[in-house]
Amino acid sequence: MGAGVLILLIICGVAFAGGGIILSWAIAKRSTNLVKGEPYECGIPTSGTSWIQFNVGYYLFALIFLVFDVELVFMYPWAVVVKSVGMVGLVEIVIFMFILFMGLLYAYRKGALKWM
C-alpha cells in the first residue's frame, strides 16, 4: 500500500461524507416553525430558559470512564496474542498502562474522582 492509495481513500471518504450531506440538503423538505425549534421535553412545553449549568464533574467523570473503556478495547487483543508478541509486547503494554495510570493519578489529585 503506497501513499497514493491512502490519499485516494481519504479523498473517497471526504467525498462520500460530503456528498451525503450535500445530497440530503438538496432533496430534504425544509420546514421552519416554532415547535421545531424547541428542545424535546417529553411533550411538555418548556417553561423558563432551557439553558442550565451542569457541574463539570459529571463531564470529567465520563471522560475518565471513556479513557478506561478504550483501554479495555486495546487490552483484549493484546491478551489474545500475548504469547506471540513476546517481550516487546509486554514492554509496550507496561508503558501504555503507566501512561494511563499517570492520567488516573492526575485526575485523582485534581479531585475529578470525587462524586458530588
PDB file of N, CA and C in Angstrom:
ATOM      1  N   MET A   1       0.844  -1.180   0.000  1.00  0.00           N
ATOM      2  CA  MET A   1       0.000   0.000   0.000  1.00  0.00           C
ATOM      3  C   MET A   1       0.879   1.230   0.000  1.00  0.00           C
ATOM      4  N   GLY A   2       0.761   1.989  -1.028  1.00  0.00           N
ATOM      5  CA  GLY A   2       1.552   3.197  -1.118  1.00  0.00           C
ATOM      6  C   GLY A   2       0.783   4.403  -0.602  1.00  0.00           C
ATOM      7  N   ALA A   3       1.449   5.539  -0.694  1.00  0.00           N
ATOM      8  CA  ALA A   3       0.831   6.780  -0.242  1.00  0.00           C
ATOM      9  C   ALA A   3      -0.326   7.169  -1.155  1.00  0.00           C
ATOM     10  N   GLY A   4      -0.251   6.788  -2.424  1.00  0.00           N
ATOM     11  CA  GLY A   4      -1.326   7.121  -3.364  1.00  0.00           C
ATOM     12  C   GLY A   4      -2.645   6.475  -2.986  1.00  0.00           C
ATOM     13  N   VAL A   5      -2.581   5.230  -2.511  1.00  0.00           N
ATOM     14  CA  VAL A   5      -3.802   4.538  -2.096  1.00  0.00           C
ATOM     15  C   VAL A   5      -4.403   5.215  -0.861  1.00  0.00           C
ATOM     16  N   LEU A   6      -3.549   5.612   0.077  1.00  0.00           N
ATOM     17  CA  LEU A   6      -4.020   6.290   1.271  1.00  0.00           C
ATOM     18  C   LEU A   6      -4.679   7.621   0.915  1.00  0.00           C
ATOM     19  N   ILE A   7      -4.067   8.386   0.038  1.00  0.00           N
ATOM     20  CA  ILE A   7      -4.647   9.659  -0.391  1.00  0.00           C
ATOM     21  C   ILE A   7      -5.978   9.424  -1.096  1.00  0.00           C
ATOM     22  N   LEU A   8      -6.040   8.398  -1.939  1.00  0.00           N
ATOM     23  CA  LEU A   8      -7.287   8.078  -2.626  1.00  0.00           C
ATOM     24  C   LEU A   8      -8.390   7.701  -1.638  1.00  0.00           C
ATOM     25  N   LEU A   9      -8.048   6.925  -0.596  1.00  0.00           N
ATOM     26  CA  LEU A   9      -9.033   6.559   0.414  1.00  0.00           C
ATOM     27  C   LEU A   9      -9.531   7.778   1.189  1.00  0.00           C
ATOM     28  N   ILE A  10      -8.637   8.697   1.502  1.00  0.00           N
ATOM     29  CA  ILE A  10      -9.040   9.910   2.211  1.00  0.00           C
ATOM     30  C   ILE A  10      -9.960  10.748   1.335  1.00  0.00           C
ATOM     31  N   ILE A  11      -9.608  10.896   0.067  1.00  0.00           N
ATOM     32  CA  ILE A  11     -10.451  11.669  -0.857  1.00  0.00           C
ATOM     33  C   ILE A  11     -11.820  11.016  -1.001  1.00  0.00           C
ATOM     34  N   CYS A  12     -11.846   9.697  -1.142  1.00  0.00           N
ATOM     35  CA  CYS A  12     -13.128   8.987  -1.267  1.00  0.00           C
ATOM     36  C   CYS A  12     -13.966   9.137   0.003  1.00  0.00           C
ATOM     37  N   GLY A  13     -13.340   9.059   1.160  1.00  0.00           N
ATOM     38  CA  GLY A  13     -14.070   9.221   2.422  1.00  0.00           C
ATOM     39  C   GLY A  13     -14.670  10.606   2.562  1.00  0.00           C
ATOM     40  N   VAL A  14     -13.886  11.627   2.236  1.00  0.00           N
ATOM     41  CA  VAL A  14     -14.392  13.003   2.314  1.00  0.00           C
ATOM     42  C   VAL A  14     -15.500  13.227   1.288  1.00  0.00           C
ATOM     43  N   ALA A  15     -15.317  12.692   0.071  1.00  0.00           N
ATOM     44  CA  ALA A  15     -16.345  12.846  -0.964  1.00  0.00           C
ATOM     45  C   ALA A  15     -17.623  12.111  -0.587  1.00  0.00           C
ATOM     46  N   PHE A  16     -17.494  10.938   0.002  1.00  0.00           N
ATOM     47  CA  PHE A  16     -18.676  10.175   0.408  1.00  0.00           C
ATOM     48  C   PHE A  16     -19.445  10.909   1.503  1.00  0.00           C
ATOM     49  N   ALA A  17     -18.739  11.398   2.524  1.00  0.00           N
ATOM     50  CA  ALA A  17     -19.399  12.109   3.621  1.00  0.00           C
ATOM     51  C   ALA A  17     -19.975  13.436   3.138  1.00  0.00           C
ATOM     52  N   GLY A  18     -19.175  14.203   2.403  1.00  0.00           N
ATOM     53  CA  GLY A  18     -19.660  15.490   1.887  1.00  0.00           C
ATOM     54  C   GLY A  18     -20.790  15.319   0.895  1.00  0.00           C
ATOM     55  N   GLY A  19     -20.703  14.287   0.055  1.00  0.00           N
ATOM     56  CA  GLY A  19     -21.770  14.036  -0.914  1.00  0.00           C
ATOM     57  C   GLY A  19     -23.077  13.710  -0.232  1.00  0.00           C
ATOM     58  N   GLY A  20     -23.028  12.942   0.854  1.00  0.00           N
ATOM     59  CA  GLY A  20     -24.252  12.623   1.594  1.00  0.00           C
ATOM     60  C   GLY A  20     -24.869  13.853   2.223  1.00  0.00           C
ATOM     61  N   ILE A  21     -24.049  14.721   2.768  1.00  0.00           N
ATOM     62  CA  ILE A  21     -24.567  15.950   3.379  1.00  0.00           C
ATOM     63  C   ILE A  21     -25.173  16.852   2.316  1.00  0.00           C
ATOM     64  N   ILE A  22     -24.477  17.033   1.212  1.00  0.00           N
ATOM     65  CA  ILE A  22     -24.984  17.897   0.131  1.00  0.00           C
ATOM     66  C   ILE A  22     -26.256  17.313  -0.468  1.00  0.00           C
ATOM     67  N   LEU A  23     -26.289  16.009  -0.666  1.00  0.00           N
ATOM     68  CA  LEU A  23     -27.472  15.374  -1.234  1.00  0.00           C
ATOM     69  C   LEU A  23     -28.675  15.511  -0.307  1.00  0.00           C
ATOM     70  N   SER A  24     -28.488  15.304   0.979  1.00  0.00           N
ATOM     71  CA  SER A  24     -29.605  15.452   1.911  1.00  0.00           C
ATOM     72  C   SER A  24     -30.066  16.906   1.990  1.00  0.00           C
ATOM     73  N   TRP A  25     -29.143  17.844   1.904  1.00  0.00           N
ATOM     74  CA  TRP A  25     -29.528  19.255   1.918  1.00  0.00           C
ATOM     75  C   TRP A  25     -30.320  19.609   0.658  1.00  0.00           C
ATOM     76  N   ALA A  26     -29.959  19.010  -0.486  1.00  0.00           N
ATOM     77  CA  ALA A  26     -30.602  19.345  -1.758  1.00  0.00           C
ATOM     78  C   ALA A  26     -32.000  18.744  -1.870  1.00  0.00           C
ATOM     79  N   ILE A  27     -32.214  17.543  -1.350  1.00  0.00           N
ATOM     80  CA  ILE A  27     -33.513  16.906  -1.585  1.00  0.00           C
ATOM     81  C   ILE A  27     -34.419  16.871  -0.360  1.00  0.00           C
ATOM     82  N   ALA A  28     -33.942  17.294   0.799  1.00  0.00           N
ATOM     83  CA  ALA A  28     -34.763  17.245   2.005  1.00  0.00           C
ATOM     84  C   ALA A  28     -35.798  18.364   2.004  1.00  0.00           C
ATOM     85  N   LYS A  29     -36.962  18.023   2.555  1.00  0.00           N
ATOM     86  CA  LYS A  29     -38.017  19.019   2.691  1.00  0.00           C
ATOM     87  C   LYS A  29     -37.704  19.878   3.912  1.00  0.00           C
ATOM     88  N   ARG A  30     -37.798  21.178   3.746  1.00  0.00           N
ATOM     89  CA  ARG A  30     -37.490  22.091   4.838  1.00  0.00           C
ATOM     90  C   ARG A  30     -38.771  22.703   5.377  1.00  0.00           C
ATOM     91  N   SER A  31     -38.864  22.760   6.679  1.00  0.00           N
ATOM     92  CA  SER A  31     -39.973  23.469   7.305  1.00  0.00           C
ATOM     93  C   SER A  31     -39.441  24.168   8.548  1.00  0.00           C
ATOM     94  N   THR A  32     -39.845  25.361   8.724  1.00  0.00           N
ATOM     95  CA  THR A  32     -39.438  26.110   9.910  1.00  0.00           C
ATOM     96  C   THR A  32     -40.692  26.526  10.664  1.00  0.00           C
ATOM     97  N   ASN A  33     -40.743  26.148  11.921  1.00  0.00           N
ATOM     98  CA  ASN A  33     -41.833  26.585  12.787  1.00  0.00           C
ATOM     99  C   ASN A  33     -41.317  26.676  14.216  1.00  0.00           C
ATOM    100  N   LEU A  34     -42.107  27.239  15.093  1.00  0.00           N
ATOM    101  CA  LEU A  34     -41.654  27.460  16.464  1.00  0.00           C
ATOM    102  C   LEU A  34     -41.504  26.158  17.241  1.00  0.00           C
ATOM    103  N   VAL A  35     -42.371  25.199  16.977  1.00  0.00           N
ATOM    104  CA  VAL A  35     -42.317  23.938  17.714  1.00  0.00           C
ATOM    105  C   VAL A  35     -41.036  23.171  17.388  1.00  0.00           C
ATOM    106  N   LYS A  36     -40.610  23.239  16.144  1.00  0.00           N
ATOM    107  CA  LYS A  36     -39.412  22.521  15.738  1.00  0.00           C
ATOM    108  C   LYS A  36     -38.161  23.075  16.424  1.00  0.00           C
ATOM    109  N   GLY A  37     -38.162  24.340  16.770  1.00  0.00           N
ATOM    110  CA  GLY A  37     -37.003  24.959  17.404  1.00  0.00           C
ATOM    111  C   GLY A  37     -36.919  24.729  18.899  1.00  0.00           C
ATOM    112  N   GLU A  38     -37.970  24.182  19.523  1.00  0.00           N
ATOM    113  CA  GLU A  38     -37.957  23.967  20.965  1.00  0.00           C
ATOM    114  C   GLU A  38     -37.216  22.680  21.318  1.00  0.00           C
ATOM    115  N   PRO A  39     -36.595  22.634  22.489  1.00  0.00           N
ATOM    116  CA  PRO A  39     -35.959  21.388  22.915  1.00  0.00           C
ATOM    117  C   PRO A  39     -37.009  20.338  23.255  1.00  0.00           C
ATOM    118  N   TYR A  40     -36.659  19.083  23.044  1.00  0.00           N
ATOM    119  CA  TYR A  40     -37.582  17.988  23.306  1.00  0.00           C
ATOM    120  C   TYR A  40     -37.673  17.741  24.808  1.00  0.00           C
ATOM    121  N   GLU A  41     -38.867  17.820  25.349  1.00  0.00           N
ATOM    122  CA  GLU A  41     -39.063  17.646  26.787  1.00  0.00           C
ATOM    123  C   GLU A  41     -40.204  16.677  27.070  1.00  0.00           C
ATOM    124  N   CYS A  42     -40.276  15.574  26.356  1.00  0.00           N
ATOM    125  CA  CYS A  42     -41.291  14.546  26.566  1.00  0.00           C
ATOM    126  C   CYS A  42     -42.698  15.083  26.345  1.00  0.00           C
ATOM    127  N   GLY A  43     -42.862  16.012  25.445  1.00  0.00           N
ATOM    128  CA  GLY A  43     -44.181  16.539  25.119  1.00  0.00           C
ATOM    129  C   GLY A  43     -44.640  17.648  26.031  1.00  0.00           C
ATOM    130  N   ILE A  44     -43.891  17.953  27.061  1.00  0.00           N
ATOM    131  CA  ILE A  44     -44.282  19.017  27.982  1.00  0.00           C
ATOM    132  C   ILE A  44     -43.693  20.325  27.487  1.00  0.00           C
ATOM    133  N   PRO A  45     -44.519  21.364  27.352  1.00  0.00           N
ATOM    134  CA  PRO A  45     -43.963  22.657  26.907  1.00  0.00           C
ATOM    135  C   PRO A  45     -42.947  23.192  27.924  1.00  0.00           C
ATOM    136  N   THR A  46     -41.918  23.806  27.419  1.00  0.00           N
ATOM    137  CA  THR A  46     -40.880  24.332  28.307  1.00  0.00           C
ATOM    138  C   THR A  46     -41.368  25.587  29.000  1.00  0.00           C
ATOM    139  N   SER A  47     -40.879  25.770  30.211  1.00  0.00           N
ATOM    140  CA  SER A  47     -41.192  27.000  30.942  1.00  0.00           C
ATOM    141  C   SER A  47     -39.874  27.586  31.414  1.00  0.00           C
ATOM    142  N   GLY A  48     -39.676  28.822  31.149  1.00  0.00           N
ATOM    143  CA  GLY A  48     -38.418  29.468  31.507  1.00  0.00           C
ATOM    144  C   GLY A  48     -37.337  29.173  30.488  1.00  0.00           C
ATOM    145  N   THR A  49     -36.114  29.343  30.898  1.00  0.00           N
ATOM    146  CA  THR A  49     -34.999  29.137  29.985  1.00  0.00           C
ATOM    147  C   THR A  49     -34.579  27.668  29.971  1.00  0.00           C
ATOM    148  N   SER A  50     -34.142  27.209  28.839  1.00  0.00           N
ATOM    149  CA  SER A  50     -33.666  25.826  28.758  1.00  0.00           C
ATOM    150  C   SER A  50     -32.176  25.721  29.017  1.00  0.00           C
ATOM    151  N   TRP A  51     -31.495  26.817  29.165  1.00  0.00           N
ATOM    152  CA  TRP A  51     -30.053  26.800  29.406  1.00  0.00           C
ATOM    153  C   TRP A  51     -29.808  26.739  30.902  1.00  0.00           C
ATOM    154  N   ILE A  52     -29.320  25.582  31.365  1.00  0.00           N
ATOM    155  CA  ILE A  52     -28.955  25.450  32.769  1.00  0.00           C
ATOM    156  C   ILE A  52     -27.506  24.973  32.833  1.00  0.00           C
ATOM    157  N   GLN A  53     -26.857  25.304  33.910  1.00  0.00           N
ATOM    158  CA  GLN A  53     -25.457  24.918  34.061  1.00  0.00           C
ATOM    159  C   GLN A  53     -25.370  23.557  34.743  1.00  0.00           C
ATOM    160  N   PHE A  54     -24.534  22.687  34.179  1.00  0.00           N
ATOM    161  CA  PHE A  54     -24.260  21.391  34.782  1.00  0.00           C
ATOM    162  C   PHE A  54     -22.897  21.453  35.438  1.00  0.00           C
ATOM    163  N   ASN A  55     -22.737  20.667  36.467  1.00  0.00           N
ATOM    164  CA  ASN A  55     -21.446  20.592  37.140  1.00  0.00           C
ATOM    165  C   ASN A  55     -20.444  19.902  36.214  1.00  0.00           C
ATOM    166  N   VAL A  56     -19.270  20.474  36.076  1.00  0.00           N
ATOM    167  CA  VAL A  56     -18.250  19.943  35.183  1.00  0.00           C
ATOM    168  C   VAL A  56     -17.720  18.597  35.676  1.00  0.00           C
ATOM    169  N   GLY A  57     -17.973  18.264  36.920  1.00  0.00           N
ATOM    170  CA  GLY A  57     -17.523  16.992  37.474  1.00  0.00           C
ATOM    171  C   GLY A  57     -18.124  15.794  36.764  1.00  0.00           C
ATOM    172  N   TYR A  58     -19.371  15.923  36.343  1.00  0.00           N
ATOM    173  CA  TYR A  58     -20.004  14.829  35.599  1.00  0.00           C
ATOM    174  C   TYR A  58     -19.271  14.586  34.279  1.00  0.00           C
ATOM    175  N   TYR A  59     -18.910  15.664  33.631  1.00  0.00           N
ATOM    176  CA  TYR A  59     -18.195  15.571  32.357  1.00  0.00           C
ATOM    177  C   TYR A  59     -16.823  14.921  32.552  1.00  0.00           C
ATOM    178  N   LEU A  60     -16.107  15.333  33.576  1.00  0.00           N
ATOM    179  CA  LEU A  60     -14.786  14.773  33.846  1.00  0.00           C
ATOM    180  C   LEU A  60     -14.877  13.298  34.210  1.00  0.00           C
ATOM    181  N   PHE A  61     -15.883  12.946  35.000  1.00  0.00           N
ATOM    182  CA  PHE A  61     -16.059  11.548  35.380  1.00  0.00           C
ATOM    183  C   PHE A  61     -16.354  10.698  34.147  1.00  0.00           C
ATOM    184  N   ALA A  62     -17.158  11.219  33.220  1.00  0.00           N
ATOM    185  CA  ALA A  62     -17.476  10.488  31.990  1.00  0.00           C
ATOM    186  C   ALA A  62     -16.231  10.333  31.116  1.00  0.00           C
ATOM    187  N   LEU A  63     -15.396  11.357  31.051  1.00  0.00           N
ATOM    188  CA  LEU A  63     -14.166  11.256  30.262  1.00  0.00           C
ATOM    189  C   LEU A  63     -13.211  10.226  30.841  1.00  0.00           C
ATOM    190  N   ILE A  64     -13.111  10.179  32.147  1.00  0.00           N
ATOM    191  CA  ILE A  64     -12.235   9.188  32.769  1.00  0.00           C
ATOM    192  C   ILE A  64     -12.766   7.785  32.496  1.00  0.00           C
ATOM    193  N   PHE A  65     -14.083   7.622  32.586  1.00  0.00           N
ATOM    194  CA  PHE A  65     -14.672   6.319  32.252  1.00  0.00           C
ATOM    195  C   PHE A  65     -14.365   5.949  30.806  1.00  0.00           C
ATOM    196  N   LEU A  66     -14.470   6.908  29.914  1.00  0.00           N
ATOM    197  CA  LEU A  66     -14.216   6.648  28.500  1.00  0.00           C
ATOM    198  C   LEU A  66     -12.762   6.243  28.259  1.00  0.00           C
ATOM    199  N   VAL A  67     -11.836   6.881  28.939  1.00  0.00           N
ATOM    200  CA  VAL A  67     -10.420   6.538  28.786  1.00  0.00           C
ATOM    201  C   VAL A  67     -10.181   5.088  29.182  1.00  0.00           C
ATOM    202  N   PHE A  68     -10.750   4.667  30.291  1.00  0.00           N
ATOM    203  CA  PHE A  68     -10.510   3.301  30.740  1.00  0.00           C
ATOM    204  C   PHE A  68     -11.345   2.288  29.968  1.00  0.00           C
ATOM    205  N   ASP A  69     -12.425   2.716  29.381  1.00  0.00           N
ATOM    206  CA  ASP A  69     -13.184   1.851  28.494  1.00  0.00           C
ATOM    207  C   ASP A  69     -12.387   1.586  27.214  1.00  0.00           C
ATOM    208  N   VAL A  70     -11.762   2.618  26.685  1.00  0.00           N
ATOM    209  CA  VAL A  70     -10.918   2.460  25.496  1.00  0.00           C
ATOM    210  C   VAL A  70      -9.687   1.620  25.839  1.00  0.00           C
ATOM    211  N   GLU A  71      -9.200   1.739  27.061  1.00  0.00           N
ATOM    212  CA  GLU A  71      -8.070   0.916  27.483  1.00  0.00           C
ATOM    213  C   GLU A  71      -8.416  -0.565  27.371  1.00  0.00           C
ATOM    214  N   LEU A  72      -9.606  -0.925  27.771  1.00  0.00           N
ATOM    215  CA  LEU A  72     -10.008  -2.327  27.670  1.00  0.00           C
ATOM    216  C   LEU A  72     -10.113  -2.784  26.222  1.00  0.00           C
ATOM    217  N   VAL A  73     -10.491  -1.879  25.340  1.00  0.00           N
ATOM    218  CA  VAL A  73     -10.548  -2.226  23.922  1.00  0.00           C
ATOM    219  C   VAL A  73      -9.155  -2.578  23.416  1.00  0.00           C
ATOM    220  N   PHE A  74      -8.128  -1.915  23.908  1.00  0.00           N
ATOM    221  CA  PHE A  74      -6.760  -2.216  23.496  1.00  0.00           C
ATOM    222  C   PHE A  74      -6.177  -3.414  24.259  1.00  0.00           C
ATOM    223  N   MET A  75      -6.635  -3.642  25.470  1.00  0.00           N
ATOM    224  CA  MET A  75      -6.088  -4.723  26.279  1.00  0.00           C
ATOM    225  C   MET A  75      -6.560  -6.101  25.806  1.00  0.00           C
ATOM    226  N   TYR A  76      -7.784  -6.204  25.334  1.00  0.00           N
ATOM    227  CA  TYR A  76      -8.302  -7.517  24.935  1.00  0.00           C
ATOM    228  C   TYR A  76      -7.516  -8.132  23.780  1.00  0.00           C
ATOM    229  N   PRO A  77      -7.284  -7.406  22.675  1.00  0.00           N
ATOM    230  CA  PRO A  77      -6.484  -8.027  21.612  1.00  0.00           C
ATOM    231  C   PRO A  77      -5.060  -8.348  22.060  1.00  0.00           C
ATOM    232  N   TRP A  78      -4.500  -7.523  22.920  1.00  0.00           N
ATOM    233  CA  TRP A  78      -3.159  -7.811  23.423  1.00  0.00           C
ATOM    234  C   TRP A  78      -3.163  -9.110  24.222  1.00  0.00           C
ATOM    235  N   ALA A  79      -4.197  -9.317  25.035  1.00  0.00           N
ATOM    236  CA  ALA A  79      -4.280 -10.530  25.843  1.00  0.00           C
ATOM    237  C   ALA A  79      -4.433 -11.772  24.968  1.00  0.00           C
ATOM    238  N   VAL A  80      -5.058 -11.615  23.814  1.00  0.00           N
ATOM    239  CA  VAL A  80      -5.239 -12.755  22.919  1.00  0.00           C
ATOM    240  C   VAL A  80      -3.912 -13.185  22.297  1.00  0.00           C
ATOM    241  N   VAL A  81      -3.059 -12.217  21.950  1.00  0.00           N
ATOM    242  CA  VAL A  81      -1.811 -12.535  21.246  1.00  0.00           C
ATOM    243  C   VAL A  81      -0.573 -12.342  22.124  1.00  0.00           C
ATOM    244  N   VAL A  82      -0.736 -12.398  23.435  1.00  0.00           N
ATOM    245  CA  VAL A  82       0.374 -12.094  24.331  1.00  0.00           C
ATOM    246  C   VAL A  82       1.555 -13.063  24.148  1.00  0.00           C
ATOM    247  N   LYS A  83       1.301 -14.322  23.856  1.00  0.00           N
ATOM    248  CA  LYS A  83       2.405 -15.266  23.690  1.00  0.00           C
ATOM    249  C   LYS A  83       3.185 -15.025  22.410  1.00  0.00           C
ATOM    250  N   SER A  84       2.507 -14.570  21.369  1.00  0.00           N
ATOM    251  CA  SER A  84       3.199 -14.397  20.089  1.00  0.00           C
ATOM    252  C   SER A  84       3.969 -13.076  20.005  1.00  0.00           C
ATOM    253  N   VAL A  85       3.595 -12.051  20.788  1.00  0.00           N
ATOM    254  CA  VAL A  85       4.302 -10.769  20.697  1.00  0.00           C
ATOM    255  C   VAL A  85       5.556 -10.732  21.557  1.00  0.00           C
ATOM    256  N   GLY A  86       5.626 -11.589  22.550  1.00  0.00           N
ATOM    257  CA  GLY A  86       6.842 -11.717  23.344  1.00  0.00           C
ATOM    258  C   GLY A  86       7.108 -10.545  24.266  1.00  0.00           C
ATOM    259  N   MET A  87       8.386 -10.321  24.522  1.00  0.00           N
ATOM    260  CA  MET A  87       8.815  -9.306  25.483  1.00  0.00           C
ATOM    261  C   MET A  87       8.534  -7.891  24.996  1.00  0.00           C
ATOM    262  N   VAL A  88       8.625  -7.682  23.694  1.00  0.00           N
ATOM    263  CA  VAL A  88       8.358  -6.340  23.141  1.00  0.00           C
ATOM    264  C   VAL A  88       6.925  -5.927  23.435  1.00  0.00           C
ATOM    265  N   GLY A  89       5.983  -6.848  23.246  1.00  0.00           N
ATOM    266  CA  GLY A  89       4.582  -6.575  23.540  1.00  0.00           C
ATOM    267  C   GLY A  89       4.351  -6.294  25.009  1.00  0.00           C
ATOM    268  N   LEU A  90       5.070  -7.014  25.872  1.00  0.00           N
ATOM    269  CA  LEU A  90       4.940  -6.782  27.308  1.00  0.00           C
ATOM    270  C   LEU A  90       5.438  -5.399  27.690  1.00  0.00           C
ATOM    271  N   VAL A  91       6.564  -5.000  27.149  1.00  0.00           N
ATOM    272  CA  VAL A  91       7.114  -3.663  27.451  1.00  0.00           C
ATOM    273  C   VAL A  91       6.159  -2.574  26.951  1.00  0.00           C
ATOM    274  N   GLU A  92       5.617  -2.768  25.754  1.00  0.00           N
ATOM    275  CA  GLU A  92       4.703  -1.761  25.210  1.00  0.00           C
ATOM    276  C   GLU A  92       3.444  -1.634  26.055  1.00  0.00           C
ATOM    277  N   ILE A  93       2.888  -2.766  26.515  1.00  0.00           N
ATOM    278  CA  ILE A  93       1.668  -2.686  27.311  1.00  0.00           C
ATOM    279  C   ILE A  93       1.955  -2.106  28.697  1.00  0.00           C
ATOM    280  N   VAL A  94       3.150  -2.346  29.229  1.00  0.00           N
ATOM    281  CA  VAL A  94       3.511  -1.740  30.517  1.00  0.00           C
ATOM    282  C   VAL A  94       3.623  -0.224  30.371  1.00  0.00           C
ATOM    283  N   ILE A  95       4.207   0.240  29.277  1.00  0.00           N
ATOM    284  CA  ILE A  95       4.284   1.688  29.027  1.00  0.00           C
ATOM    285  C   ILE A  95       2.887   2.274  28.871  1.00  0.00           C
ATOM    286  N   PHE A  96       2.027   1.573  28.133  1.00  0.00           N
ATOM    287  CA  PHE A  96       0.646   2.016  27.938  1.00  0.00           C
ATOM    288  C   PHE A  96      -0.092   2.114  29.276  1.00  0.00           C
ATOM    289  N   MET A  97       0.047   1.095  30.115  1.00  0.00           N
ATOM    290  CA  MET A  97      -0.610   1.101  31.420  1.00  0.00           C
ATOM    291  C   MET A  97      -0.036   2.196  32.328  1.00  0.00           C
ATOM    292  N   PHE A  98       1.270   2.451  32.214  1.00  0.00           N
ATOM    293  CA  PHE A  98       1.886   3.506  33.018  1.00  0.00           C
ATOM    294  C   PHE A  98       1.325   4.879  32.636  1.00  0.00           C
ATOM    295  N   ILE A  99       1.173   5.113  31.338  1.00  0.00           N
ATOM    296  CA  ILE A  99       0.606   6.391  30.889  1.00  0.00           C
ATOM    297  C   ILE A  99      -0.824   6.550  31.401  1.00  0.00           C
ATOM    298  N   LEU A 100      -1.620   5.487  31.330  1.00  0.00           N
ATOM    299  CA  LEU A 100      -2.983   5.564  31.837  1.00  0.00           C
ATOM    300  C   LEU A 100      -3.019   5.745  33.349  1.00  0.00           C
ATOM    301  N   PHE A 101      -2.093   5.093  34.044  1.00  0.00           N
ATOM    302  CA  PHE A 101      -2.026   5.253  35.494  1.00  0.00           C
ATOM    303  C   PHE A 101      -1.670   6.689  35.866  1.00  0.00           C
ATOM    304  N   MET A 102      -0.773   7.290  35.114  1.00  0.00           N
ATOM    305  CA  MET A 102      -0.424   8.690  35.384  1.00  0.00           C
ATOM    306  C   MET A 102      -1.633   9.611  35.164  1.00  0.00           C
ATOM    307  N   GLY A 103      -2.424   9.302  34.136  1.00  0.00           N
ATOM    308  CA  GLY A 103      -3.657  10.068  33.912  1.00  0.00           C
ATOM    309  C   GLY A 103      -4.642   9.904  35.050  1.00  0.00           C
ATOM    310  N   LEU A 104      -4.768   8.684  35.566  1.00  0.00           N
ATOM    311  CA  LEU A 104      -5.648   8.438  36.700  1.00  0.00           C
ATOM    312  C   LEU A 104      -5.142   9.147  37.950  1.00  0.00           C
ATOM    313  N   LEU A 105      -3.843   9.112  38.170  1.00  0.00           N
ATOM    314  CA  LEU A 105      -3.261   9.803  39.316  1.00  0.00           C
ATOM    315  C   LEU A 105      -3.480  11.312  39.216  1.00  0.00           C
ATOM    316  N   TYR A 106      -3.336  11.867  38.022  1.00  0.00           N
ATOM    317  CA  TYR A 106      -3.591  13.301  37.810  1.00  0.00           C
ATOM    318  C   TYR A 106      -5.051  13.640  38.110  1.00  0.00           C
ATOM    319  N   ALA A 107      -5.970  12.808  37.613  1.00  0.00           N
ATOM    320  CA  ALA A 107      -7.395  13.059  37.856  1.00  0.00           C
ATOM    321  C   ALA A 107      -7.715  12.948  39.342  1.00  0.00           C
ATOM    322  N   TYR A 108      -7.096  12.010  40.024  1.00  0.00           N
ATOM    323  CA  TYR A 108      -7.327  11.850  41.457  1.00  0.00           C
ATOM    324  C   TYR A 108      -6.829  13.069  42.235  1.00  0.00           C
ATOM    325  N   ARG A 109      -5.643  13.542  41.874  1.00  0.00           N
ATOM    326  CA  ARG A 109      -5.085  14.699  42.581  1.00  0.00           C
ATOM    327  C   ARG A 109      -5.877  15.980  42.319  1.00  0.00           C
ATOM    328  N   LYS A 110      -6.484  16.094  41.123  1.00  0.00           N
ATOM    329  CA  LYS A 110      -7.290  17.260  40.801  1.00  0.00           C
ATOM    330  C   LYS A 110      -8.690  17.173  41.399  1.00  0.00           C
ATOM    331  N   GLY A 111      -9.055  16.010  41.954  1.00  0.00           N
ATOM    332  CA  GLY A 111     -10.364  15.846  42.574  1.00  0.00           C
ATOM    333  C   GLY A 111     -11.465  15.476  41.601  1.00  0.00           C
ATOM    334  N   ALA A 112     -11.107  14.989  40.424  1.00  0.00           N
ATOM    335  CA  ALA A 112     -12.112  14.658  39.422  1.00  0.00           C
ATOM    336  C   ALA A 112     -12.847  13.365  39.764  1.00  0.00           C
ATOM    337  N   LEU A 113     -12.329  12.553  40.664  1.00  0.00           N
ATOM    338  CA  LEU A 113     -12.975  11.292  41.015  1.00  0.00           C
ATOM    339  C   LEU A 113     -13.906  11.414  42.207  1.00  0.00           C
ATOM    340  N   LYS A 114     -13.990  12.588  42.800  1.00  0.00           N
ATOM    341  CA  LYS A 114     -14.904  12.794  43.933  1.00  0.00           C
ATOM    342  C   LYS A 114     -16.300  13.045  43.385  1.00  0.00           C
ATOM    343  N   TRP A 115     -17.232  12.200  43.788  1.00  0.00           N
ATOM    344  CA  TRP A 115     -18.602  12.367  43.326  1.00  0.00           C
ATOM    345  C   TRP A 115     -19.239  13.474  44.152  1.00  0.00           C
ATOM    346  N   MET A 116     -20.152  14.203  43.522  1.00  0.00           N
ATOM    347  CA  MET A 116     -20.729  15.391  44.141  1.00  0.00           C
ATOM    348  C   MET A 116     -21.344  15.085  45.469  1.00  0.00           C
TER     349      MET A 116
END
